[in-house]
Protein backbone atom coordinates (compact mmCIF):
# COMPACT_ATOMS: atom_id res chain seq x y z
CA UNK A 1 31.29 -7.64 30.20
CA UNK A 2 33.51 -6.59 27.33
CA UNK A 3 34.15 -7.42 23.71
CA UNK A 4 37.45 -8.86 22.57
CA UNK A 5 38.05 -7.06 19.29
CA UNK A 6 40.49 -9.68 18.11
CA UNK A 7 37.77 -12.28 17.75
CA UNK A 8 34.54 -10.48 18.59
CA UNK A 9 33.52 -12.72 21.49
CA UNK A 10 32.30 -11.68 24.93
CA UNK A 11 34.36 -12.24 28.03
CA UNK A 12 33.76 -11.06 31.57
CA UNK A 13 36.42 -8.46 32.20
CA UNK A 14 34.99 -7.79 35.65
CA UNK A 15 35.45 -11.28 37.04
CA UNK A 16 38.35 -11.15 39.50
CA UNK A 17 38.17 -14.94 39.84
CA UNK A 18 39.18 -15.46 36.20
CA UNK A 19 42.82 -16.18 35.36
CA UNK A 20 44.90 -13.28 34.11
CA UNK A 21 44.49 -12.67 30.41
CA UNK A 22 41.23 -14.65 30.20
CA UNK A 23 39.87 -14.45 26.63
CA UNK A 24 37.40 -16.33 24.56
CA UNK A 25 39.34 -18.03 21.81
CA UNK A 26 37.48 -18.13 18.49
CA UNK A 27 38.55 -21.74 17.88
CA UNK A 28 37.50 -22.90 21.34
CA UNK A 29 34.65 -20.38 21.59
CA UNK A 30 35.46 -19.98 25.25
CA UNK A 31 38.05 -18.64 27.61
CA UNK A 32 41.52 -19.76 26.61
CA UNK A 33 41.86 -23.19 28.15
CA UNK A 34 38.11 -23.75 28.62
CA UNK A 35 35.04 -23.61 26.43
CA UNK A 36 31.98 -21.41 26.86
CA UNK A 37 29.32 -23.39 28.64
CA UNK A 38 25.96 -24.26 27.20
CA UNK A 39 22.97 -23.32 29.33
CA UNK A 40 21.34 -26.67 28.52
CA UNK A 41 21.66 -29.77 26.37
CA UNK A 42 20.34 -29.54 22.79
CA UNK A 43 16.56 -29.61 22.58
CA UNK A 44 14.92 -32.86 21.45
CA UNK A 45 15.17 -33.14 17.69
CA UNK A 46 18.15 -30.77 17.44
CA UNK A 47 20.88 -32.83 19.05
CA UNK A 48 21.37 -35.04 16.02
CA UNK A 49 23.04 -32.17 14.19
CA UNK A 50 25.59 -31.50 16.94
CA UNK A 51 28.37 -33.94 17.68
CA UNK A 52 30.43 -31.47 19.72
CA UNK A 53 29.68 -28.32 21.67
CA UNK A 54 32.34 -26.50 19.63
CA UNK A 55 30.55 -24.24 17.16
CA UNK A 56 33.15 -24.57 14.43
CA UNK A 57 32.80 -28.36 14.36
CA UNK A 58 29.01 -28.37 14.55
CA UNK A 59 28.58 -25.72 11.86
CA UNK A 60 31.03 -27.60 9.70
CA UNK A 61 29.11 -30.80 10.25
CA UNK A 62 25.83 -29.13 9.33
CA UNK A 63 27.39 -27.89 6.08
CA UNK A 64 28.81 -31.35 5.41
CA UNK A 65 25.41 -32.97 6.00
CA UNK A 66 23.72 -30.75 3.42
CA UNK A 67 26.54 -30.81 0.87
CA UNK A 68 24.72 -33.32 -1.33
CA UNK A 69 21.37 -31.53 -1.16
CA UNK A 70 19.83 -29.49 -3.96
CA UNK A 71 18.92 -26.68 -1.54
CA UNK A 72 21.70 -25.65 0.85
CA UNK A 73 20.91 -23.35 3.77
CA UNK A 74 24.28 -22.52 5.40
CA UNK A 75 25.41 -20.40 2.47
CA UNK A 76 25.25 -16.78 3.73
CA UNK A 77 28.45 -14.76 3.97
CA UNK A 78 28.59 -11.79 6.34
CA UNK A 79 28.09 -9.25 3.47
CA UNK A 80 24.89 -11.10 2.49
CA UNK A 81 23.77 -11.08 6.12
CA UNK A 82 24.53 -7.35 6.23
CA UNK A 83 22.32 -6.88 3.17
CA UNK A 84 19.47 -8.68 4.95
CA UNK A 85 19.95 -6.51 8.05
CA UNK A 86 20.10 -3.33 5.98
CA UNK A 87 16.86 -4.24 4.20
CA UNK A 88 15.23 -4.96 7.58
CA UNK A 89 16.29 -1.73 9.29
CA UNK A 90 16.60 0.79 6.44
CA UNK A 91 12.87 0.71 5.78
CA UNK A 92 9.68 2.74 5.51
CA UNK A 93 9.48 3.16 9.29
CA UNK A 94 12.29 5.73 9.00
CA UNK A 95 9.61 8.12 7.76
CA UNK A 96 7.87 7.92 11.14
CA UNK A 97 10.91 9.54 12.82
CA UNK A 98 9.93 13.14 11.91
CA UNK A 99 6.50 12.53 13.50
CA UNK A 100 8.17 11.05 16.60
CA UNK A 101 10.54 14.03 16.85
CA UNK A 102 7.56 16.40 16.50
CA UNK A 103 5.92 14.75 19.53
CA UNK A 104 9.06 14.34 21.65
CA UNK A 105 11.11 17.38 20.62
CA UNK A 106 14.49 17.21 18.89
CA UNK A 107 16.69 16.64 21.94
CA UNK A 108 14.73 13.74 23.50
CA UNK A 109 14.06 12.31 20.03
CA UNK A 110 17.70 12.15 18.97
CA UNK A 111 18.80 10.99 22.44
CA UNK A 112 16.30 8.12 22.37
CA UNK A 113 17.44 7.23 18.85
CA UNK A 114 21.02 6.77 20.08
CA UNK A 115 20.04 4.98 23.31
CA UNK A 116 17.73 2.49 21.58
CA UNK A 117 20.37 1.85 18.89
CA UNK A 118 22.98 1.11 21.58
CA UNK A 119 20.63 -1.24 23.47
CA UNK A 120 19.73 -3.11 20.29
CA UNK A 121 23.42 -3.41 19.36
CA UNK A 122 24.23 -4.82 22.80
CA UNK A 123 21.35 -7.28 22.90
CA UNK A 124 22.13 -8.40 19.34
CA UNK A 125 25.66 -9.28 20.43
CA UNK A 126 24.17 -11.25 23.35
CA UNK A 127 22.05 -13.19 20.83
CA UNK A 128 25.15 -13.84 18.72
CA UNK A 129 27.03 -15.18 21.73
CA UNK A 130 24.08 -17.44 22.57
CA UNK A 131 24.02 -18.78 19.00
CA UNK A 132 27.77 -19.48 19.12
CA UNK A 133 27.26 -21.51 22.28
CA UNK A 134 24.25 -23.34 20.81
CA UNK A 135 24.86 -23.60 17.05
CA UNK A 136 21.98 -26.00 16.53
CA UNK A 137 19.29 -23.37 17.23
CA UNK A 138 17.27 -22.51 14.14
CA UNK A 139 15.28 -19.50 15.28
CA UNK A 140 14.15 -17.45 18.27
CA UNK A 141 11.59 -20.11 19.26
CA UNK A 142 14.36 -22.63 20.03
CA UNK A 143 16.07 -19.95 22.12
CA UNK A 144 12.83 -19.16 23.96
CA UNK A 145 12.44 -22.78 25.03
CA UNK A 146 16.08 -23.06 26.11
CA UNK A 147 15.94 -19.83 28.14
CA UNK A 148 12.96 -21.04 30.15
CA UNK A 149 14.41 -24.38 31.20
CA UNK A 150 13.39 -26.42 28.16
CA UNK A 151 9.67 -26.12 28.88
CA UNK A 152 7.44 -26.86 25.91
CA UNK A 153 4.98 -24.13 26.92
CA UNK A 154 7.81 -21.61 26.46
CA UNK A 155 8.35 -22.85 22.91
CA UNK A 156 4.64 -22.60 22.08
CA UNK A 157 4.28 -19.14 23.60
CA UNK A 158 7.38 -17.90 21.77
CA UNK A 159 6.15 -19.47 18.52
CA UNK A 160 2.76 -17.74 18.78
CA UNK A 161 4.37 -14.33 19.45
CA UNK A 162 6.96 -14.98 16.72
CA UNK A 163 4.36 -15.74 14.04
CA UNK A 164 2.05 -12.91 15.13
CA UNK A 165 4.91 -10.39 15.12
CA UNK A 166 6.01 -11.39 11.63
CA UNK A 167 2.46 -11.45 10.28
CA UNK A 168 1.74 -7.99 11.75
CA UNK A 169 4.80 -6.67 9.93
CA UNK A 170 3.56 -8.29 6.71
CA UNK A 171 0.19 -6.63 7.34
CA UNK A 172 1.87 -3.26 7.82
CA UNK A 173 3.47 -3.57 4.39
CA UNK A 174 0.18 -4.61 2.77
CA UNK A 175 -1.38 -1.51 4.36
CA UNK A 176 1.34 0.85 3.17
CA UNK A 177 1.46 -0.78 -0.26
CA UNK A 178 -2.24 0.03 -0.67
CA UNK A 179 -1.54 3.55 0.63
CA UNK A 180 1.13 3.97 -2.07
CA UNK A 181 -1.16 2.73 -4.87
CA UNK A 182 -3.97 5.02 -3.70
CA UNK A 183 -1.56 7.96 -3.62
CA UNK A 184 -0.25 7.30 -7.13
CA UNK A 185 -3.65 6.63 -8.74
CA UNK A 186 -5.93 8.96 -6.76
CA UNK A 187 -7.95 6.01 -5.47
CA UNK A 188 -8.77 4.57 -8.90
CA UNK A 189 -9.49 1.16 -7.34
CA UNK A 190 -11.11 0.11 -4.05
CA UNK A 191 -8.53 0.09 -1.24
CA UNK A 192 -9.37 -3.52 -0.41
CA UNK A 193 -8.48 -4.41 -4.00
CA UNK A 194 -5.16 -2.59 -3.79
CA UNK A 195 -4.37 -4.43 -0.56
CA UNK A 196 -5.11 -7.75 -2.26
CA UNK A 197 -2.85 -6.85 -5.20
CA UNK A 198 0.03 -6.00 -2.86
CA UNK A 199 -0.46 -9.25 -0.91
CA UNK A 200 -0.35 -11.35 -4.11
CA UNK A 201 2.82 -9.61 -5.37
CA UNK A 202 4.51 -10.12 -2.00
CA UNK A 203 3.51 -13.79 -1.98
CA UNK A 204 5.21 -14.34 -5.35
CA UNK A 205 8.42 -12.57 -4.28
CA UNK A 206 8.45 -14.65 -1.06
CA UNK A 207 8.87 -17.98 -2.88
CA UNK A 208 12.72 -18.34 -2.75
CA UNK A 209 13.61 -20.68 0.10
CA UNK A 210 17.05 -19.47 1.27
CA UNK A 211 18.24 -16.17 2.74
CA UNK A 212 21.26 -16.26 0.42
CA UNK A 213 18.91 -15.88 -2.56
CA UNK A 214 16.85 -13.16 -0.87
CA UNK A 215 20.03 -11.22 -0.01
CA UNK A 216 20.34 -10.14 -3.65
CA UNK A 217 16.89 -8.53 -3.55
CA UNK A 218 17.66 -7.12 -0.09
CA UNK A 219 20.60 -5.10 -1.43
CA UNK A 220 18.40 -3.35 -3.99
CA UNK A 221 15.68 -2.80 -1.39
CA UNK A 222 18.03 -1.05 1.05
CA UNK A 223 19.56 1.09 -1.72
CA UNK A 224 16.23 2.35 -3.07
CA UNK A 225 14.95 3.03 0.45
CA UNK A 226 17.99 5.19 1.12
CA UNK A 227 17.34 7.12 -2.12
CA UNK A 228 13.68 7.52 -1.14
CA UNK A 229 14.32 9.03 2.31
CA UNK A 230 17.16 11.17 0.95
CA UNK A 231 14.82 12.65 -1.66
CA UNK A 232 12.12 13.25 0.96
CA UNK A 233 14.60 15.15 3.14
CA UNK A 234 15.85 17.23 0.19
CA UNK A 235 12.35 18.00 -1.09
CA UNK A 236 11.16 19.06 2.37
CA UNK A 237 14.02 21.56 2.45
CA UNK A 238 13.61 23.07 -1.01
CA UNK A 239 9.81 23.33 -1.29
CA UNK A 240 8.26 26.64 -0.17
CA UNK A 241 5.72 25.20 2.26
CA UNK A 242 4.57 21.83 3.61
CA UNK A 243 1.14 20.45 2.85
CA UNK A 244 -1.71 22.14 4.75
CA UNK A 245 0.32 25.34 5.19
CA UNK A 246 -1.87 28.04 6.78
CA UNK A 247 -5.01 26.03 6.02
CA UNK A 248 -6.49 26.87 9.42
CA UNK A 249 -7.79 23.36 10.02
CA UNK A 250 -6.92 20.87 12.75
CA UNK A 251 -4.14 18.45 11.81
CA UNK A 252 -5.54 14.88 11.90
CA UNK A 253 -2.08 13.59 12.82
CA UNK A 254 -0.92 16.10 15.44
CA UNK A 255 -4.29 17.44 16.68
CA UNK A 256 -3.18 21.10 16.43
CA UNK A 257 -4.19 24.03 14.21
CA UNK A 258 -2.31 24.11 10.91
CA UNK A 259 -1.37 27.77 10.70
CA UNK A 260 1.71 29.97 10.82
CA UNK A 261 5.32 29.15 10.11
CA UNK A 262 6.62 25.65 10.96
CA UNK A 263 7.16 25.20 14.70
CA UNK A 264 10.25 23.29 15.81
CA UNK A 265 10.92 22.49 19.47
CA UNK A 266 13.90 21.09 21.35
CA UNK A 267 11.57 19.47 23.90
CA UNK A 268 8.02 18.03 23.83
CA UNK A 269 5.22 20.48 22.92
CA UNK A 270 3.10 21.74 25.83
CA UNK A 271 0.19 19.42 26.53
CA UNK A 272 1.82 16.32 25.06
CA UNK A 273 -0.06 13.34 26.49
CA UNK A 274 1.41 10.07 27.75
CA UNK A 275 -0.30 8.26 24.86
CA UNK A 276 1.25 10.56 22.21
CA UNK A 277 4.72 10.50 23.79
CA UNK A 278 4.67 6.75 24.30
CA UNK A 279 3.56 6.11 20.72
CA UNK A 280 6.37 8.33 19.42
CA UNK A 281 8.87 6.40 21.56
CA UNK A 282 7.46 3.07 20.37
CA UNK A 283 7.74 4.14 16.72
CA UNK A 284 11.45 4.87 17.19
CA UNK A 285 11.93 1.58 19.01
CA UNK A 286 10.09 -0.47 16.39
CA UNK A 287 12.40 0.76 13.64
CA UNK A 288 15.49 -0.41 15.54
CA UNK A 289 14.22 -3.60 17.15
CA UNK A 290 14.60 -6.51 14.75
CA UNK A 291 16.43 -9.07 16.88
CA UNK A 292 13.67 -11.60 16.24
CA UNK A 293 15.24 -12.48 12.86
CA UNK A 294 18.88 -12.62 13.99
CA UNK A 295 18.95 -16.28 15.13
CA UNK A 296 17.41 -17.28 11.79
CA UNK A 297 20.05 -15.29 9.89
CA UNK A 298 22.94 -16.71 11.93
CA UNK A 299 21.58 -20.23 11.38
CA UNK A 300 22.24 -19.80 7.64
CA UNK A 301 25.69 -18.19 7.92
CA UNK A 302 28.77 -20.08 6.76
CA UNK A 303 30.86 -18.29 9.41
CA UNK A 304 28.68 -17.21 12.36
CA UNK A 305 31.70 -15.62 14.05
CA UNK A 306 31.61 -12.89 11.36
CA UNK A 307 28.14 -11.67 12.31
CA UNK A 308 29.35 -8.60 14.31
CA UNK A 309 30.87 -7.16 11.11
CA UNK A 310 27.41 -6.97 9.58
CA UNK A 311 25.85 -5.74 12.82
CA UNK A 312 28.25 -2.84 13.40
CA UNK A 313 27.96 -1.64 9.79
CA UNK A 314 24.17 -1.55 10.00
CA UNK A 315 24.04 0.12 13.45
CA UNK A 316 26.33 2.99 12.44
CA UNK A 317 24.32 3.59 9.26
CA UNK A 318 21.05 3.47 11.22
CA UNK A 319 22.02 6.17 13.71
CA UNK A 320 23.25 8.50 10.97
CA UNK A 321 20.34 8.02 8.56
CA UNK A 322 17.53 7.94 11.12
CA UNK A 323 18.73 11.03 13.00
CA UNK A 324 19.41 13.10 9.89
CA UNK A 325 16.17 12.26 8.10
CA UNK A 326 14.09 12.73 11.24
CA UNK A 327 15.71 16.08 12.05
CA UNK A 328 15.76 17.58 8.53
CA UNK A 329 12.18 16.70 7.67
CA UNK A 330 10.91 17.85 11.08
CA UNK A 331 12.79 21.17 10.96
CA UNK A 332 11.50 22.10 7.50
CA UNK A 333 7.96 20.76 8.06
CA UNK A 334 7.18 21.79 11.64
CA UNK A 335 5.09 20.00 14.23
CA UNK A 336 1.72 21.40 13.12
CA UNK A 337 2.08 20.11 9.52
CA UNK A 338 3.61 16.74 10.31
CA UNK A 339 2.16 13.47 8.99
CA UNK A 340 3.29 9.85 9.30
CA UNK A 341 4.78 8.56 7.15
CA UNK A 342 6.31 11.97 6.49
CA UNK A 343 5.91 11.74 2.71
CA UNK A 344 2.40 13.11 3.29
CA UNK A 345 3.88 16.37 4.59
CA UNK A 346 5.39 17.24 1.21
CA UNK A 347 3.29 20.05 -0.28
CA UNK A 348 4.36 19.43 -3.88
CA UNK A 349 2.52 16.35 -5.14
CA UNK A 350 5.29 15.63 -7.68
CA UNK A 351 7.87 15.61 -4.89
CA UNK A 352 5.65 13.31 -2.81
CA UNK A 353 5.12 10.80 -5.62
CA UNK A 354 8.76 10.83 -6.73
CA UNK A 355 10.21 10.18 -3.28
CA UNK A 356 7.50 7.69 -2.25
CA UNK A 357 7.99 5.70 -5.49
CA UNK A 358 11.56 4.78 -4.59
CA UNK A 359 10.11 3.06 -1.52
CA UNK A 360 8.41 0.38 -3.67
CA UNK A 361 11.14 -2.30 -3.24
CA UNK A 362 11.09 -2.11 0.55
CA UNK A 363 7.27 -1.96 0.64
CA UNK A 364 7.41 -5.40 -0.94
CA UNK A 365 10.66 -6.89 0.31
CA UNK A 366 10.54 -6.28 4.06
CA UNK A 367 7.20 -8.05 4.33
CA UNK A 368 8.68 -10.78 2.13
CA UNK A 369 11.63 -11.17 4.50
CA UNK A 370 9.41 -11.69 7.54
CA UNK A 371 7.14 -14.04 5.58
CA UNK A 372 10.20 -16.10 4.67
CA UNK A 373 11.32 -16.24 8.31
CA UNK A 374 7.86 -17.45 9.38
CA UNK A 375 7.57 -19.99 6.56
CA UNK A 376 11.06 -21.29 7.31
CA UNK A 377 10.05 -21.83 10.94
CA UNK A 378 6.92 -23.84 10.05
CA UNK A 379 8.46 -25.68 7.09
CA UNK A 380 11.50 -26.88 9.04
CA UNK A 381 9.27 -28.29 11.78
CA UNK A 382 7.09 -30.12 9.29
CA UNK A 383 9.84 -31.58 7.11
CA UNK A 384 12.95 -31.79 9.30
CA UNK A 385 14.78 -35.03 8.54
CA UNK A 386 12.98 -35.59 5.23
CA UNK A 387 14.17 -35.11 1.65
CA UNK A 388 11.52 -32.42 1.12
CA UNK A 389 13.41 -29.97 3.34
CA UNK A 390 16.54 -29.74 1.23
CA UNK A 391 15.58 -30.99 -2.24
CA UNK A 392 13.29 -29.90 -5.04
CA UNK A 393 10.16 -32.01 -4.53
CA UNK A 394 6.53 -31.36 -5.40
CA UNK A 395 5.52 -31.88 -1.77
CA UNK A 396 8.25 -29.56 -0.53
CA UNK A 397 7.53 -26.66 -2.89
CA UNK A 398 3.74 -26.93 -2.68
CA UNK A 399 3.92 -26.97 1.13
CA UNK A 400 6.29 -23.99 1.15
CA UNK A 401 3.92 -22.04 -1.10
CA UNK A 402 0.88 -23.01 0.99
CA UNK A 403 2.54 -21.83 4.22
CA UNK A 404 3.42 -18.51 2.61
CA UNK A 405 -0.10 -18.13 1.26
CA UNK A 406 -1.58 -18.55 4.75
CA UNK A 407 0.72 -15.86 6.17
CA UNK A 408 -0.20 -13.38 3.42
CA UNK A 409 -3.94 -13.99 3.79
CA UNK A 410 -3.57 -13.30 7.52
CA UNK A 411 -1.51 -10.17 6.75
CA UNK A 412 -4.19 -8.92 4.37
CA UNK A 413 -6.86 -9.31 7.07
CA UNK A 414 -4.71 -7.44 9.63
CA UNK A 415 -4.13 -4.59 7.16
CA UNK A 416 -7.87 -4.19 6.66
CA UNK A 417 -8.83 -4.46 10.33
CA UNK A 418 -6.16 -2.00 11.61
CA UNK A 419 -5.97 0.49 8.72
CA UNK A 420 -3.58 3.07 10.21
CA UNK A 421 0.19 3.35 10.21
CA UNK A 422 1.37 4.83 13.53
CA UNK A 423 -0.89 2.82 15.81
CA UNK A 424 -0.06 -0.43 14.05
CA UNK A 425 3.65 0.30 14.56
CA UNK A 426 3.07 1.10 18.24
CA UNK A 427 0.90 -1.95 18.89
CA UNK A 428 3.52 -4.27 17.38
CA UNK A 429 6.28 -2.64 19.43
CA UNK A 430 4.47 -2.97 22.74
CA UNK A 431 3.19 -6.53 22.29
CA UNK A 432 6.21 -8.21 20.72
CA UNK A 433 9.30 -6.00 20.96
CA UNK A 434 8.98 -6.12 24.74
CA UNK A 435 10.01 -9.79 24.60
CA UNK A 436 12.05 -10.09 21.40
CA UNK A 437 13.80 -6.75 21.83
CA UNK A 438 14.53 -6.74 25.57
CA UNK A 439 13.25 -9.36 28.02
CA UNK A 440 14.62 -12.47 26.28
CA UNK A 441 18.15 -11.12 25.97
CA UNK A 442 18.47 -9.87 29.54
CA UNK A 443 17.45 -13.37 30.65
CA UNK A 444 19.86 -14.92 28.12
CA UNK A 445 22.86 -13.03 29.53
CA UNK A 446 21.98 -14.10 33.08
CA UNK A 447 21.54 -17.74 32.04
CA UNK A 448 24.89 -17.76 30.22
CA UNK A 449 26.78 -16.26 33.15
CA UNK A 450 25.18 -18.79 35.51
CA UNK A 451 26.23 -21.60 33.16
CA UNK A 452 29.81 -20.28 33.03
CA UNK A 453 30.34 -19.84 36.78
CA UNK A 454 27.94 -22.37 38.28
CA UNK A 455 26.45 -22.13 41.81
CA UNK A 456 27.21 -18.81 43.44
CA UNK A 457 27.86 -17.22 40.06
CA UNK A 458 26.76 -13.79 41.28
CA UNK A 459 29.41 -13.65 43.98
CA UNK A 460 32.11 -14.46 41.40
CA UNK A 461 31.30 -11.42 39.28
CA UNK A 462 33.67 -8.51 39.63
CA UNK A 463 32.69 -4.83 39.61
CA UNK A 464 32.22 -4.65 35.85
CA UNK A 465 30.37 -7.93 35.87
CA UNK A 466 27.92 -6.61 38.45
CA UNK A 467 27.43 -3.42 36.40
CA UNK A 468 26.65 -5.56 33.36
CA UNK A 469 24.21 -7.59 35.45
CA UNK A 470 22.49 -4.34 36.45
CA UNK A 471 22.33 -3.35 32.77
CA UNK A 472 20.64 -6.63 31.83
CA UNK A 473 18.15 -6.37 34.70
CA UNK A 474 17.37 -2.85 33.44
CA UNK A 475 16.84 -4.26 29.94
CA UNK A 476 14.28 -6.72 31.35
CA UNK A 477 12.50 -3.87 33.18
CA UNK A 478 12.42 -1.78 29.98
CA UNK A 479 10.79 -4.73 28.23
CA UNK A 480 8.12 -4.98 30.92
CA UNK A 481 7.47 -1.23 30.59
CA UNK A 482 7.02 -1.70 26.84
CA UNK A 483 4.55 -4.50 27.47
CA UNK A 484 2.46 -2.67 30.08
CA UNK A 485 2.58 1.05 29.35
CA UNK A 486 3.15 0.57 25.64
CA UNK A 487 0.16 -1.69 25.09
CA UNK A 488 -2.09 0.68 27.06
CA UNK A 489 -0.94 3.68 25.01
CA UNK A 490 -1.34 1.85 21.70
CA UNK A 491 -4.83 0.54 22.40
CA UNK A 492 -5.98 3.90 23.80
CA UNK A 493 -4.65 5.67 20.70
CA UNK A 494 -6.58 3.27 18.46
CA UNK A 495 -9.77 3.93 20.44
CA UNK A 496 -9.20 7.70 20.29
CA UNK A 497 -8.66 7.67 16.53
CA UNK A 498 -11.80 5.67 15.86
CA UNK A 499 -13.87 7.91 18.14
CA UNK A 500 -12.50 11.02 16.41
CA UNK A 501 -13.26 9.58 12.97
CA UNK A 502 -9.59 9.96 12.03
CA UNK A 503 -9.47 6.59 10.26
CA UNK A 504 -11.68 4.78 7.81
CA UNK A 505 -13.60 1.65 8.67
CA UNK A 506 -12.53 -1.94 8.24
CA UNK A 507 -12.53 -3.54 4.76
CA UNK A 508 -13.37 -0.20 3.19
CA UNK A 509 -13.00 1.13 -0.34
CA UNK A 510 -12.24 4.64 0.97
CA UNK A 511 -8.82 5.98 0.00
CA UNK A 512 -5.99 5.78 2.53
CA UNK A 513 -3.60 7.68 0.24
CA UNK A 514 -1.32 10.45 1.42
């Protein structure tokens, strides 16, 4: 498996059976002289939008069909898609990297950062290839049904996981929004009230119906997040001591005595448990794994073939920013004084509030982005083929607002029932990223190769093709490990924290500020 840099499309360089010079042509979207094969016919209800298996024609037809509509969806350029990806990945979860590095050690932490980034880049390109072959797909739920032989149960199962994943992420941002307000105001209002305020604000910002409109907000969100983590890294380096320095008490986050100079290790601290190490690994993975939104983004691009430009730009920035912030904050804070998010480790309250305040746009927008993806999924199913989908109607807008309201109420409940940051990140990673980050895309590659080469496809793969097959089988196994070991570690960590009294109760007024 390789990538043709001239057009950015996959071709199987290891297939000795292919003609010399085999390439996927961006006009044909297949090897020169033949088109890439679909793994299945369009799903019921989607075929009407596709008159030809060629992506260029079908995308063009979709744009032509909505040209007279008040609300047009295929309007995103690749820079706008890059802005959406930046806002999704350059987010608050970056500030869990110092905690992850404190549990894993610098060397394993940075190595896992690079490995996970590479796997996500690869699987994202697999998704892109799948979307080029099947331009009618609207979201990951359509892909889930197609991957598992068009079975309706696969669509329903994918849809349930899809909506739960997005709503959990919304809940995370309600939780952290309340944490921010408590930090800034010294718990002047009940935490439940702060959570409700954040949920209402996010609901209002969620109302725009196209990604092209949201991309403008996404640009500001990513910029302010970068400023926030940059300030946190600088402040951790220039302040004399982190919070809790030489206090002689047990760290509620790390479970060690807070005393002495900051301890920095190249490898995991002695006595690191499977639960702690796994949660640290899951936190890193969660920050990178966002493939669940990619089919939805591509479905609104004017030129889907340009998607890799956005993807490469974001991946390079991720590796640099995540590694630097995680390393700098960890080195100057030390394992025994580490908190998550790492803003809480800043000993100077002015530094903490200043750097945390720049995170406000992403606290709101990232939850908004996932709410929009969920609402789009439900709305399109309810109103596909009607004028309410693509025009300004009372029914259309009231239904859109009602769907969003339901997602934010659910997010508010999740934030109050699971009121802690690290374990919520880990639980989401193990339950949902196992499928949407790994398993689906290993299966997708296998299904596409089988469609290209037909019966006996395995025997027609060359050496490189077989290596790529091994890679994709490994990706599926990694996903299963996430699902099994990750879920166990997350649930056990939640139980441990409640038993230790490290978190407040559900629907509580107690402060969760840093």
